[in-house]
Amino acid sequence: FLVIYVVADFFDRFDTFIKHEAPLGAIARVFLFKVPLILTQVMPVAVLAAALVSLGLLARNNEFVALRACGVSVWQLAMPLLSLAAAISVATFVWNEIVVPYSARRWHTIDSQEIKKRGAQSVFMGRQIWFHGRAGFYNVGRVSGRHQTLYGLSVYQLGTDFRPTRLIEADAASWTGSGWQLVGVRTREFGPEGGRGSPQPPPGFTLPETLDDFQVVSLEPEELSYGLLRRQIKDLRHKGVDSSESLVDLHLKLALPVASFMMMLLAVPLAVVGTRLTSLAASIGVGLVVGFGYFVLIAFARALGQSGALPPAVAAWAANAIFALIGGFYLLGSH
């Protein structure tokens, strides 16, 4: 599944590589650093396919019939497999916390700077983004491409001696297509006699950059660990910024690793009730179809959660709840 994903992703981005005349070394490093994220994404599908292959071989040889005749219940058959799937889910969560954020930032940086030839205008420090723009140094809490808005914006302007002369803060900055509309603006001037504040922007102040310039520094959810994303949400709430979009991603960091357990919950009853998925091709095919359905449901629920149609927790856990109900129904029916 890892190979299938990488090959498909490579040919999907082949035109981009040709357009920017990307070096082979940079392309190789992009996929090398993307492997940790891909592993977490294909793990549920791999667990389902592997379980169907293994259990299908037992079903073909009537091993389930022999076990049931000896008094072994379906739950006794399922518990070791479900325990293993639970361990895989925990390991996936730890992997997402430790390895994936670093590797995701590395491949995004290589893709931006070495393949698309964009300058290194931004620095990511913890959960904050620093951007060197034409109006000063920008600190951005969150860049939302869907809402076309910057949340928690601070602009630091320096004098010729590199000392701060002005700080401009805005709760949000929305892109209108031709310029920025600032909301909740505050200005603080720094001079020899100290600082003085004003509840409005400086005369004639505007951000020279466009939304596309800030899209370069937008952070994807995989670049933040659960702890960093939670602290970012806390900061946004402290500034009075709507964090529902980030809350969905926060809950997904817990819900997605559980997908391996959900897939095993489906695989056991499929094999026990007599579905003869004994060939590798059939098992991989079922794994792809079910896995694709799971992630389509995840994407649909995530979009509903970020638009406010569903509570963040419901949007993140809806797919797991549906698959748990289906798997539990068939597992109880095969008892």
C-alpha atoms as a PDB file:
ATOM      1  CA  PHE A   1       0.000   0.000   0.000  1.00  0.00           C
ATOM      2  CA  LEU A   2       2.916   2.331   0.659  1.00  0.00           C
ATOM      3  CA  VAL A   3       4.262   1.699  -2.843  1.00  0.00           C
ATOM      4  CA  ILE A   4       0.821   2.208  -4.416  1.00  0.00           C
ATOM      5  CA  TYR A   5       0.418   5.524  -2.593  1.00  0.00           C
ATOM      6  CA  VAL A   6       3.894   6.810  -3.530  1.00  0.00           C
ATOM      7  CA  VAL A   7       3.548   5.840  -7.214  1.00  0.00           C
ATOM      8  CA  ALA A   8       0.104   7.436  -7.472  1.00  0.00           C
ATOM      9  CA  ASP A   9       1.285  10.603  -5.709  1.00  0.00           C
ATOM     10  CA  PHE A  10       4.372  10.827  -7.922  1.00  0.00           C
ATOM     11  CA  PHE A  11       2.414  10.710 -11.177  1.00  0.00           C
ATOM     12  CA  ASP A  12      -0.194  13.089  -9.743  1.00  0.00           C
ATOM     13  CA  ARG A  13       2.547  15.674  -9.145  1.00  0.00           C
ATOM     14  CA  PHE A  14       4.635  14.810 -12.223  1.00  0.00           C
ATOM     15  CA  ASP A  15       3.499  17.943 -14.118  1.00  0.00           C
ATOM     16  CA  THR A  16       4.565  20.127 -11.188  1.00  0.00           C
ATOM     17  CA  PHE A  17       8.007  18.521 -11.112  1.00  0.00           C
ATOM     18  CA  ILE A  18       8.440  19.095 -14.858  1.00  0.00           C
ATOM     19  CA  LYS A  19       7.118  22.670 -14.707  1.00  0.00           C
ATOM     20  CA  HIS A  20       9.579  23.716 -11.991  1.00  0.00           C
ATOM     21  CA  GLU A  21      12.448  21.548 -13.330  1.00  0.00           C
ATOM     22  CA  ALA A  22      12.764  19.938  -9.918  1.00  0.00           C
ATOM     23  CA  PRO A  23      16.060  18.180  -9.127  1.00  0.00           C
ATOM     24  CA  LEU A  24      15.834  14.418  -8.695  1.00  0.00           C
ATOM     25  CA  GLY A  25      17.430  14.670  -5.258  1.00  0.00           C
ATOM     26  CA  ALA A  26      14.748  17.084  -4.046  1.00  0.00           C
ATOM     27  CA  ILE A  27      11.969  14.856  -5.403  1.00  0.00           C
ATOM     28  CA  ALA A  28      13.459  11.838  -3.654  1.00  0.00           C
ATOM     29  CA  ARG A  29      13.739  13.707  -0.342  1.00  0.00           C
ATOM     30  CA  VAL A  30      10.148  14.956  -0.590  1.00  0.00           C
ATOM     31  CA  PHE A  31       8.851  11.395  -0.752  1.00  0.00           C
ATOM     32  CA  LEU A  32      11.379  10.182   1.804  1.00  0.00           C
ATOM     33  CA  PHE A  33      10.122  12.675   4.400  1.00  0.00           C
ATOM     34  CA  LYS A  34       6.524  12.044   3.360  1.00  0.00           C
ATOM     35  CA  VAL A  35       6.780   8.304   4.109  1.00  0.00           C
ATOM     36  CA  PRO A  36       5.996   8.654   7.864  1.00  0.00           C
ATOM     37  CA  LEU A  37       2.713  10.423   7.072  1.00  0.00           C
ATOM     38  CA  ILE A  38       1.858   7.926   4.324  1.00  0.00           C
ATOM     39  CA  LEU A  39       2.433   5.036   6.731  1.00  0.00           C
ATOM     40  CA  THR A  40      -0.161   6.393   9.141  1.00  0.00           C
ATOM     41  CA  GLN A  41      -2.645   6.895   6.295  1.00  0.00           C
ATOM     42  CA  VAL A  42      -2.314   3.419   4.769  1.00  0.00           C
ATOM     43  CA  MET A  43      -2.037   1.559   8.088  1.00  0.00           C
ATOM     44  CA  PRO A  44      -5.828   1.011   8.546  1.00  0.00           C
ATOM     45  CA  VAL A  45      -6.176  -0.345   5.002  1.00  0.00           C
ATOM     46  CA  ALA A  46      -3.154  -2.597   5.501  1.00  0.00           C
ATOM     47  CA  VAL A  47      -4.547  -3.916   8.798  1.00  0.00           C
ATOM     48  CA  LEU A  48      -7.871  -4.764   7.145  1.00  0.00           C
ATOM     49  CA  ALA A  49      -6.277  -6.479   4.134  1.00  0.00           C
ATOM     50  CA  ALA A  50      -3.804  -8.446   6.282  1.00  0.00           C
ATOM     51  CA  ALA A  51      -6.578  -9.596   8.611  1.00  0.00           C
ATOM     52  CA  LEU A  52      -8.745 -10.695   5.674  1.00  0.00           C
ATOM     53  CA  VAL A  53      -5.858 -12.660   4.132  1.00  0.00           C
ATOM     54  CA  SER A  54      -4.949 -14.414   7.388  1.00  0.00           C
ATOM     55  CA  LEU A  55      -8.490 -15.148   8.491  1.00  0.00           C
ATOM     56  CA  GLY A  56      -9.489 -16.094   4.950  1.00  0.00           C
ATOM     57  CA  LEU A  57      -6.890 -18.866   4.937  1.00  0.00           C
ATOM     58  CA  LEU A  58      -8.320 -20.205   8.200  1.00  0.00           C
ATOM     59  CA  ALA A  59     -11.843 -20.057   6.774  1.00  0.00           C
ATOM     60  CA  ARG A  60     -10.811 -21.911   3.601  1.00  0.00           C
ATOM     61  CA  ASN A  61      -9.392 -24.776   5.660  1.00  0.00           C
ATOM     62  CA  ASN A  62     -12.491 -24.860   7.891  1.00  0.00           C
ATOM     63  CA  GLU A  63     -10.400 -23.968  10.918  1.00  0.00           C
ATOM     64  CA  PHE A  64     -13.217 -21.786  12.258  1.00  0.00           C
ATOM     65  CA  VAL A  65     -15.575 -24.766  12.140  1.00  0.00           C
ATOM     66  CA  ALA A  66     -13.092 -26.861  14.118  1.00  0.00           C
ATOM     67  CA  LEU A  67     -12.547 -24.102  16.683  1.00  0.00           C
ATOM     68  CA  ARG A  68     -16.264 -23.558  17.161  1.00  0.00           C
ATOM     69  CA  ALA A  69     -16.747 -27.323  17.567  1.00  0.00           C
ATOM     70  CA  CYS A  70     -14.156 -27.252  20.362  1.00  0.00           C
ATOM     71  CA  GLY A  71     -16.133 -24.580  22.172  1.00  0.00           C
ATOM     72  CA  VAL A  72     -14.038 -21.553  21.167  1.00  0.00           C
ATOM     73  CA  SER A  73     -16.316 -18.508  20.868  1.00  0.00           C
ATOM     74  CA  VAL A  74     -16.061 -15.734  18.318  1.00  0.00           C
ATOM     75  CA  TRP A  75     -15.026 -13.326  21.067  1.00  0.00           C
ATOM     76  CA  GLN A  76     -12.137 -15.623  22.037  1.00  0.00           C
ATOM     77  CA  LEU A  77     -11.058 -15.597  18.398  1.00  0.00           C
ATOM     78  CA  ALA A  78     -11.396 -11.849  18.118  1.00  0.00           C
ATOM     79  CA  MET A  79      -9.759 -10.680  21.337  1.00  0.00           C
ATOM     80  CA  PRO A  80      -6.093 -11.330  20.367  1.00  0.00           C
ATOM     81  CA  LEU A  81      -6.627  -9.611  17.012  1.00  0.00           C
ATOM     82  CA  LEU A  82      -8.486  -6.662  18.509  1.00  0.00           C
ATOM     83  CA  SER A  83      -5.791  -6.313  21.172  1.00  0.00           C
ATOM     84  CA  LEU A  84      -3.134  -6.216  18.462  1.00  0.00           C
ATOM     85  CA  ALA A  85      -5.147  -3.626  16.509  1.00  0.00           C
ATOM     86  CA  ALA A  86      -5.502  -1.526  19.667  1.00  0.00           C
ATOM     87  CA  ALA A  87      -1.715  -1.652  20.142  1.00  0.00           C
ATOM     88  CA  ILE A  88      -1.236  -0.565  16.509  1.00  0.00           C
ATOM     89  CA  SER A  89      -3.615   2.355  17.099  1.00  0.00           C
ATOM     90  CA  VAL A  90      -1.643   3.487  20.159  1.00  0.00           C
ATOM     91  CA  ALA A  91       1.648   3.134  18.274  1.00  0.00           C
ATOM     92  CA  THR A  92       0.202   5.162  15.375  1.00  0.00           C
ATOM     93  CA  PHE A  93      -0.787   7.978  17.727  1.00  0.00           C
ATOM     94  CA  VAL A  94       2.723   8.061  19.256  1.00  0.00           C
ATOM     95  CA  TRP A  95       4.235   7.978  15.746  1.00  0.00           C
ATOM     96  CA  ASN A  96       2.028  10.925  14.736  1.00  0.00           C
ATOM     97  CA  GLU A  97       3.155  12.866  17.788  1.00  0.00           C
ATOM     98  CA  ILE A  98       6.905  12.277  17.529  1.00  0.00           C
ATOM     99  CA  VAL A  99       7.882  11.596  13.919  1.00  0.00           C
ATOM    100  CA  VAL A 100       5.194  12.928  11.557  1.00  0.00           C
ATOM    101  CA  PRO A 101       5.244  16.664  12.542  1.00  0.00           C
ATOM    102  CA  TYR A 102       8.997  16.949  11.942  1.00  0.00           C
ATOM    103  CA  SER A 103       8.957  14.983   8.685  1.00  0.00           C
ATOM    104  CA  ALA A 104       5.892  16.893   7.417  1.00  0.00           C
ATOM    105  CA  ARG A 105       7.597  20.252   7.986  1.00  0.00           C
ATOM    106  CA  ARG A 106      10.703  18.971   6.200  1.00  0.00           C
ATOM    107  CA  TRP A 107       8.895  17.823   3.051  1.00  0.00           C
ATOM    108  CA  HIS A 108       6.770  20.980   2.930  1.00  0.00           C
ATOM    109  CA  THR A 109       9.966  23.059   3.157  1.00  0.00           C
ATOM    110  CA  ILE A 110      11.707  21.059   0.417  1.00  0.00           C
ATOM    111  CA  ASP A 111       8.621  21.265  -1.791  1.00  0.00           C
ATOM    112  CA  SER A 112       8.349  25.035  -1.316  1.00  0.00           C
ATOM    113  CA  GLN A 113      11.998  26.062  -1.505  1.00  0.00           C
ATOM    114  CA  GLU A 114      13.769  23.486  -3.676  1.00  0.00           C
ATOM    115  CA  ILE A 115      10.990  22.387  -6.043  1.00  0.00           C
ATOM    116  CA  LYS A 116       8.763  25.484  -6.377  1.00  0.00           C
ATOM    117  CA  LYS A 117      11.761  27.828  -5.882  1.00  0.00           C
ATOM    118  CA  ARG A 118      10.078  30.006  -3.264  1.00  0.00           C
ATOM    119  CA  GLY A 119      12.228  32.009  -0.890  1.00  0.00           C
ATOM    120  CA  ALA A 120      12.547  31.132   2.784  1.00  0.00           C
ATOM    121  CA  GLN A 121      10.371  33.996   4.049  1.00  0.00           C
ATOM    122  CA  SER A 122       8.907  32.156   7.018  1.00  0.00           C
ATOM    123  CA  VAL A 123      10.119  30.472  10.165  1.00  0.00           C
ATOM    124  CA  PHE A 124       8.039  28.028  12.184  1.00  0.00           C
ATOM    125  CA  MET A 125       8.740  28.132  15.913  1.00  0.00           C
ATOM    126  CA  GLY A 126       6.655  25.828  18.046  1.00  0.00           C
ATOM    127  CA  ARG A 127       3.057  26.732  17.249  1.00  0.00           C
ATOM    128  CA  GLN A 128       3.822  30.216  15.858  1.00  0.00           C
ATOM    129  CA  ILE A 129       4.565  31.431  12.323  1.00  0.00           C
ATOM    130  CA  TRP A 130       6.961  34.296  11.659  1.00  0.00           C
ATOM    131  CA  PHE A 131       6.884  35.865   8.196  1.00  0.00           C
ATOM    132  CA  HIS A 132       9.177  38.581   6.816  1.00  0.00           C
ATOM    133  CA  GLY A 133       6.907  40.822   4.765  1.00  0.00           C
ATOM    134  CA  ARG A 134       7.177  44.211   3.132  1.00  0.00           C
ATOM    135  CA  ALA A 135       5.377  45.950   6.005  1.00  0.00           C
ATOM    136  CA  GLY A 136       7.557  44.403   8.699  1.00  0.00           C
ATOM    137  CA  PHE A 137       7.812  41.103  10.520  1.00  0.00           C
ATOM    138  CA  TYR A 138       4.492  39.266  10.798  1.00  0.00           C
ATOM    139  CA  ASN A 139       3.486  36.838  13.511  1.00  0.00           C
ATOM    140  CA  VAL A 140       0.411  34.813  12.486  1.00  0.00           C
ATOM    141  CA  GLY A 141      -1.586  32.524  14.742  1.00  0.00           C
ATOM    142  CA  ARG A 142      -3.343  30.666  11.921  1.00  0.00           C
ATOM    143  CA  VAL A 143      -3.749  30.969   8.155  1.00  0.00           C
ATOM    144  CA  SER A 144      -7.155  29.719   6.977  1.00  0.00           C
ATOM    145  CA  GLY A 145      -7.298  29.289   3.207  1.00  0.00           C
ATOM    146  CA  ARG A 146     -10.918  28.141   3.345  1.00  0.00           C
ATOM    147  CA  HIS A 147     -12.037  31.305   5.129  1.00  0.00           C
ATOM    148  CA  GLN A 148      -9.398  33.450   3.363  1.00  0.00           C
ATOM    149  CA  THR A 149      -8.476  34.892   6.742  1.00  0.00           C
ATOM    150  CA  LEU A 150      -5.409  35.386   8.926  1.00  0.00           C
ATOM    151  CA  TYR A 151      -6.124  34.923  12.625  1.00  0.00           C
ATOM    152  CA  GLY A 152      -4.078  36.463  15.425  1.00  0.00           C
ATOM    153  CA  LEU A 153      -1.955  38.789  13.259  1.00  0.00           C
ATOM    154  CA  SER A 154       0.856  40.927  14.733  1.00  0.00           C
ATOM    155  CA  VAL A 155       3.060  43.226  12.608  1.00  0.00           C
ATOM    156  CA  TYR A 156       6.374  44.375  14.080  1.00  0.00           C
ATOM    157  CA  GLN A 157       8.003  47.377  12.383  1.00  0.00           C
ATOM    158  CA  LEU A 158      11.654  48.179  13.068  1.00  0.00           C
ATOM    159  CA  GLY A 159      13.736  51.331  12.763  1.00  0.00           C
ATOM    160  CA  THR A 160      17.108  51.730  11.077  1.00  0.00           C
ATOM    161  CA  ASP A 161      18.778  50.541  14.297  1.00  0.00           C
ATOM    162  CA  PHE A 162      16.597  47.392  14.256  1.00  0.00           C
ATOM    163  CA  ARG A 163      14.730  48.479  17.367  1.00  0.00           C
ATOM    164  CA  PRO A 164      10.917  48.066  17.413  1.00  0.00           C
ATOM    165  CA  THR A 165       9.150  51.322  16.522  1.00  0.00           C
ATOM    166  CA  ARG A 166       5.581  50.090  16.104  1.00  0.00           C
ATOM    167  CA  LEU A 167       3.429  47.044  16.860  1.00  0.00           C
ATOM    168  CA  ILE A 168       0.167  46.568  14.956  1.00  0.00           C
ATOM    169  CA  GLU A 169      -2.156  43.800  16.168  1.00  0.00           C
ATOM    170  CA  ALA A 170      -5.371  42.514  14.578  1.00  0.00           C
ATOM    171  CA  ASP A 171      -7.721  39.776  15.717  1.00  0.00           C
ATOM    172  CA  ALA A 172      -8.264  38.817  12.077  1.00  0.00           C
ATOM    173  CA  ALA A 173      -7.459  39.983   8.547  1.00  0.00           C
ATOM    174  CA  SER A 174      -9.837  38.883   5.779  1.00  0.00           C
ATOM    175  CA  TRP A 175      -8.889  38.862   2.100  1.00  0.00           C
ATOM    176  CA  THR A 176     -11.506  40.624  -0.054  1.00  0.00           C
ATOM    177  CA  GLY A 177      -9.941  39.817  -3.423  1.00  0.00           C
ATOM    178  CA  SER A 178      -8.243  43.179  -3.811  1.00  0.00           C
ATOM    179  CA  GLY A 179      -7.008  43.907  -0.276  1.00  0.00           C
ATOM    180  CA  TRP A 180      -7.214  43.094   3.409  1.00  0.00           C
ATOM    181  CA  GLN A 181      -9.960  44.010   5.843  1.00  0.00           C
ATOM    182  CA  LEU A 182      -8.589  44.191   9.381  1.00  0.00           C
ATOM    183  CA  VAL A 183     -10.767  43.377  12.381  1.00  0.00           C
ATOM    184  CA  GLY A 184     -10.003  44.346  15.976  1.00  0.00           C
ATOM    185  CA  VAL A 185      -6.923  46.447  15.177  1.00  0.00           C
ATOM    186  CA  ARG A 186      -4.677  47.916  17.889  1.00  0.00           C
ATOM    187  CA  THR A 187      -1.501  49.955  17.426  1.00  0.00           C
ATOM    188  CA  ARG A 188       1.319  50.633  19.859  1.00  0.00           C
ATOM    189  CA  GLU A 189       4.061  53.173  19.097  1.00  0.00           C
ATOM    190  CA  PHE A 190       7.488  52.911  20.731  1.00  0.00           C
ATOM    191  CA  GLY A 191       9.646  55.995  21.164  1.00  0.00           C
ATOM    192  CA  PRO A 192      12.292  57.491  23.446  1.00  0.00           C
ATOM    193  CA  GLU A 193       9.579  58.570  25.901  1.00  0.00           C
ATOM    194  CA  GLY A 194       7.991  55.120  26.082  1.00  0.00           C
ATOM    195  CA  GLY A 195       5.033  53.522  24.356  1.00  0.00           C
ATOM    196  CA  ARG A 196       1.549  54.781  23.589  1.00  0.00           C
ATOM    197  CA  GLY A 197      -1.418  52.850  22.262  1.00  0.00           C
ATOM    198  CA  SER A 198      -4.209  53.533  19.801  1.00  0.00           C
ATOM    199  CA  PRO A 199      -7.367  51.480  19.033  1.00  0.00           C
ATOM    200  CA  GLN A 200      -6.941  51.883  15.270  1.00  0.00           C
ATOM    201  CA  PRO A 201      -4.345  51.184  12.569  1.00  0.00           C
ATOM    202  CA  PRO A 202      -1.772  53.794  11.521  1.00  0.00           C
ATOM    203  CA  PRO A 203      -2.946  56.162   8.756  1.00  0.00           C
ATOM    204  CA  GLY A 204      -2.705  54.503   5.349  1.00  0.00           C
ATOM    205  CA  PHE A 205      -1.526  51.169   6.746  1.00  0.00           C
ATOM    206  CA  THR A 206      -2.192  48.059   4.653  1.00  0.00           C
ATOM    207  CA  LEU A 207      -0.649  44.650   4.096  1.00  0.00           C
ATOM    208  CA  PRO A 208       1.167  44.648   0.715  1.00  0.00           C
ATOM    209  CA  GLU A 209       1.035  40.843   0.443  1.00  0.00           C
ATOM    210  CA  THR A 210      -1.814  38.843  -1.090  1.00  0.00           C
ATOM    211  CA  LEU A 211      -3.525  35.741   0.258  1.00  0.00           C
ATOM    212  CA  ASP A 212      -1.311  33.528  -1.918  1.00  0.00           C
ATOM    213  CA  ASP A 213       1.768  34.938  -0.175  1.00  0.00           C
ATOM    214  CA  PHE A 214       0.423  33.790   3.172  1.00  0.00           C
ATOM    215  CA  GLN A 215      -0.725  30.428   1.824  1.00  0.00           C
ATOM    216  CA  VAL A 216       2.985  29.569   1.623  1.00  0.00           C
ATOM    217  CA  VAL A 217       3.292  29.795   5.415  1.00  0.00           C
ATOM    218  CA  SER A 218       0.021  28.057   6.262  1.00  0.00           C
ATOM    219  CA  LEU A 219       0.562  25.025   8.459  1.00  0.00           C
ATOM    220  CA  GLU A 220      -1.138  21.746   7.673  1.00  0.00           C
ATOM    221  CA  PRO A 221      -2.552  19.740  10.616  1.00  0.00           C
ATOM    222  CA  GLU A 222       0.079  17.013  10.186  1.00  0.00           C
ATOM    223  CA  GLU A 223       2.813  19.572  10.925  1.00  0.00           C
ATOM    224  CA  LEU A 224       1.533  20.037  14.479  1.00  0.00           C
ATOM    225  CA  SER A 225       1.446  17.474  17.262  1.00  0.00           C
ATOM    226  CA  TYR A 226      -1.653  17.064  19.397  1.00  0.00           C
ATOM    227  CA  GLY A 227      -0.086  19.109  22.196  1.00  0.00           C
ATOM    228  CA  LEU A 228       1.034  21.974  19.929  1.00  0.00           C
ATOM    229  CA  LEU A 229      -2.322  22.143  18.162  1.00  0.00           C
ATOM    230  CA  ARG A 230      -4.165  22.204  21.490  1.00  0.00           C
ATOM    231  CA  ARG A 231      -1.992  25.091  22.724  1.00  0.00           C
ATOM    232  CA  GLN A 232      -2.538  26.923  19.428  1.00  0.00           C
ATOM    233  CA  ILE A 233      -6.302  26.598  19.907  1.00  0.00           C
ATOM    234  CA  LYS A 234      -5.931  27.927  23.445  1.00  0.00           C
ATOM    235  CA  ASP A 235      -4.014  30.949  22.132  1.00  0.00           C
ATOM    236  CA  LEU A 236      -6.617  31.623  19.446  1.00  0.00           C
ATOM    237  CA  ARG A 237      -9.437  31.436  21.988  1.00  0.00           C
ATOM    238  CA  HIS A 238      -7.538  33.807  24.262  1.00  0.00           C
ATOM    239  CA  LYS A 239      -7.469  36.285  21.370  1.00  0.00           C
ATOM    240  CA  GLY A 240     -11.199  35.803  20.770  1.00  0.00           C
ATOM    241  CA  VAL A 241     -10.685  33.938  17.473  1.00  0.00           C
ATOM    242  CA  ASP A 242     -13.062  31.201  16.289  1.00  0.00           C
ATOM    243  CA  SER A 243     -11.122  27.929  16.566  1.00  0.00           C
ATOM    244  CA  SER A 244     -13.802  25.441  15.421  1.00  0.00           C
ATOM    245  CA  GLU A 245     -11.802  24.583  12.296  1.00  0.00           C
ATOM    246  CA  SER A 246      -8.774  23.697  14.379  1.00  0.00           C
ATOM    247  CA  LEU A 247     -10.888  21.800  16.918  1.00  0.00           C
ATOM    248  CA  VAL A 248     -11.976  19.335  14.231  1.00  0.00           C
ATOM    249  CA  ASP A 249      -8.333  18.648  13.349  1.00  0.00           C
ATOM    250  CA  LEU A 250      -7.518  18.278  17.053  1.00  0.00           C
ATOM    251  CA  HIS A 251     -10.171  15.582  17.540  1.00  0.00           C
ATOM    252  CA  LEU A 252      -9.053  13.865  14.322  1.00  0.00           C
ATOM    253  CA  LYS A 253      -5.573  13.427  15.780  1.00  0.00           C
ATOM    254  CA  LEU A 254      -7.205  11.056  18.283  1.00  0.00           C
ATOM    255  CA  ALA A 255      -9.845   9.585  15.978  1.00  0.00           C
ATOM    256  CA  LEU A 256      -7.682   8.661  12.972  1.00  0.00           C
ATOM    257  CA  PRO A 257      -5.261   6.320  14.809  1.00  0.00           C
ATOM    258  CA  VAL A 258      -8.316   4.360  16.050  1.00  0.00           C
ATOM    259  CA  ALA A 259      -9.116   3.474  12.411  1.00  0.00           C
ATOM    260  CA  SER A 260      -6.881   0.374  12.598  1.00  0.00           C
ATOM    261  CA  PHE A 261      -8.997  -0.963  15.466  1.00  0.00           C
ATOM    262  CA  MET A 262     -12.192  -0.237  13.496  1.00  0.00           C
ATOM    263  CA  MET A 263     -10.862  -2.134  10.477  1.00  0.00           C
ATOM    264  CA  MET A 264     -10.050  -5.182  12.581  1.00  0.00           C
ATOM    265  CA  LEU A 265     -13.526  -4.996  14.073  1.00  0.00           C
ATOM    266  CA  LEU A 266     -14.862  -5.361  10.522  1.00  0.00           C
ATOM    267  CA  ALA A 267     -12.392  -8.010   9.352  1.00  0.00           C
ATOM    268  CA  VAL A 268     -13.164 -10.595  12.045  1.00  0.00           C
ATOM    269  CA  PRO A 269     -16.903 -11.010  11.364  1.00  0.00           C
ATOM    270  CA  LEU A 270     -16.329 -10.876   7.586  1.00  0.00           C
ATOM    271  CA  ALA A 271     -14.078 -13.924   7.857  1.00  0.00           C
ATOM    272  CA  VAL A 272     -16.011 -15.791  10.542  1.00  0.00           C
ATOM    273  CA  VAL A 273     -19.384 -15.642   8.769  1.00  0.00           C
ATOM    274  CA  GLY A 274     -17.836 -17.450   5.843  1.00  0.00           C
ATOM    275  CA  THR A 275     -16.715 -14.798   3.399  1.00  0.00           C
ATOM    276  CA  ARG A 276     -14.012 -16.653   1.456  1.00  0.00           C
ATOM    277  CA  LEU A 277     -11.546 -13.851   0.785  1.00  0.00           C
ATOM    278  CA  THR A 278      -8.672 -16.279   0.478  1.00  0.00           C
ATOM    279  CA  SER A 279      -6.741 -14.649  -2.366  1.00  0.00           C
ATOM    280  CA  LEU A 280      -4.339 -11.769  -1.898  1.00  0.00           C
ATOM    281  CA  ALA A 281      -5.933  -9.781  -4.728  1.00  0.00           C
ATOM    282  CA  ALA A 282      -9.453 -10.079  -3.283  1.00  0.00           C
ATOM    283  CA  SER A 283      -8.309  -9.089   0.199  1.00  0.00           C
ATOM    284  CA  ILE A 284      -6.374  -6.075  -1.104  1.00  0.00           C
ATOM    285  CA  GLY A 285      -9.372  -5.094  -3.206  1.00  0.00           C
ATOM    286  CA  VAL A 286     -11.752  -5.227  -0.234  1.00  0.00           C
ATOM    287  CA  GLY A 287      -9.195  -3.357   1.864  1.00  0.00           C
ATOM    288  CA  LEU A 288      -8.964  -0.574  -0.731  1.00  0.00           C
ATOM    289  CA  VAL A 289     -12.743  -0.272  -1.139  1.00  0.00           C
ATOM    290  CA  VAL A 290     -13.508  -0.237   2.591  1.00  0.00           C
ATOM    291  CA  GLY A 291     -10.531   2.003   3.361  1.00  0.00           C
ATOM    292  CA  PHE A 292     -11.527   4.420   0.595  1.00  0.00           C
ATOM    293  CA  GLY A 293     -15.066   4.517   1.958  1.00  0.00           C
ATOM    294  CA  TYR A 294     -13.766   5.224   5.455  1.00  0.00           C
ATOM    295  CA  PHE A 295     -11.609   8.174   4.376  1.00  0.00           C
ATOM    296  CA  VAL A 296     -14.354   9.587   2.136  1.00  0.00           C
ATOM    297  CA  LEU A 297     -16.623   9.560   5.189  1.00  0.00           C
ATOM    298  CA  ILE A 298     -13.880  11.197   7.264  1.00  0.00           C
ATOM    299  CA  ALA A 299     -13.394  13.956   4.666  1.00  0.00           C
ATOM    300  CA  PHE A 300     -17.144  14.567   4.377  1.00  0.00           C
ATOM    301  CA  ALA A 301     -17.641  14.766   8.153  1.00  0.00           C
ATOM    302  CA  ARG A 302     -14.546  16.998   8.529  1.00  0.00           C
ATOM    303  CA  ALA A 303     -15.947  19.462   5.987  1.00  0.00           C
ATOM    304  CA  LEU A 304     -19.258  19.537   7.853  1.00  0.00           C
ATOM    305  CA  GLY A 305     -17.454  20.107  11.145  1.00  0.00           C
ATOM    306  CA  GLN A 306     -15.302  22.953   9.813  1.00  0.00           C
ATOM    307  CA  SER A 307     -18.346  24.645   8.298  1.00  0.00           C
ATOM    308  CA  GLY A 308     -20.161  24.483  11.648  1.00  0.00           C
ATOM    309  CA  ALA A 309     -22.856  22.028  10.498  1.00  0.00           C
ATOM    310  CA  LEU A 310     -21.598  19.426  13.001  1.00  0.00           C
ATOM    311  CA  PRO A 311     -19.908  19.796  16.398  1.00  0.00           C
ATOM    312  CA  PRO A 312     -16.117  19.234  16.064  1.00  0.00           C
ATOM    313  CA  ALA A 313     -16.091  16.057  18.176  1.00  0.00           C
ATOM    314  CA  VAL A 314     -19.029  14.540  16.262  1.00  0.00           C
ATOM    315  CA  ALA A 315     -17.428  15.363  12.906  1.00  0.00           C
ATOM    316  CA  ALA A 316     -14.125  13.748  13.897  1.00  0.00           C
ATOM    317  CA  TRP A 317     -15.574  10.574  15.414  1.00  0.00           C
ATOM    318  CA  ALA A 318     -18.564  10.012  13.072  1.00  0.00           C
ATOM    319  CA  ALA A 319     -16.721   7.595  10.761  1.00  0.00           C
ATOM    320  CA  ASN A 320     -15.378   5.540  13.679  1.00  0.00           C
ATOM    321  CA  ALA A 321     -18.831   5.386  15.261  1.00  0.00           C
ATOM    322  CA  ILE A 322     -20.469   4.177  12.038  1.00  0.00           C
ATOM    323  CA  PHE A 323     -17.813   1.521  11.387  1.00  0.00           C
ATOM    324  CA  ALA A 324     -17.960   0.412  15.039  1.00  0.00           C
ATOM    325  CA  LEU A 325     -21.726  -0.081  14.767  1.00  0.00           C
ATOM    326  CA  ILE A 326     -21.367  -2.081  11.545  1.00  0.00           C
ATOM    327  CA  GLY A 327     -18.528  -4.222  12.883  1.00  0.00           C
ATOM    328  CA  GLY A 328     -20.227  -4.763  16.232  1.00  0.00           C
ATOM    329  CA  PHE A 329     -23.500  -5.742  14.535  1.00  0.00           C
ATOM    330  CA  TYR A 330     -21.849  -8.410  12.366  1.00  0.00           C
ATOM    331  CA  LEU A 331     -19.636  -9.603  15.223  1.00  0.00           C
ATOM    332  CA  LEU A 332     -22.657 -10.083  17.502  1.00  0.00           C
ATOM    333  CA  GLY A 333     -24.561 -11.716  14.658  1.00  0.00           C
ATOM    334  CA  SER A 334     -21.796 -14.262  14.123  1.00  0.00           C
ATOM    335  CA  HIS A 335     -21.646 -15.191  17.807  1.00  0.00           C
END
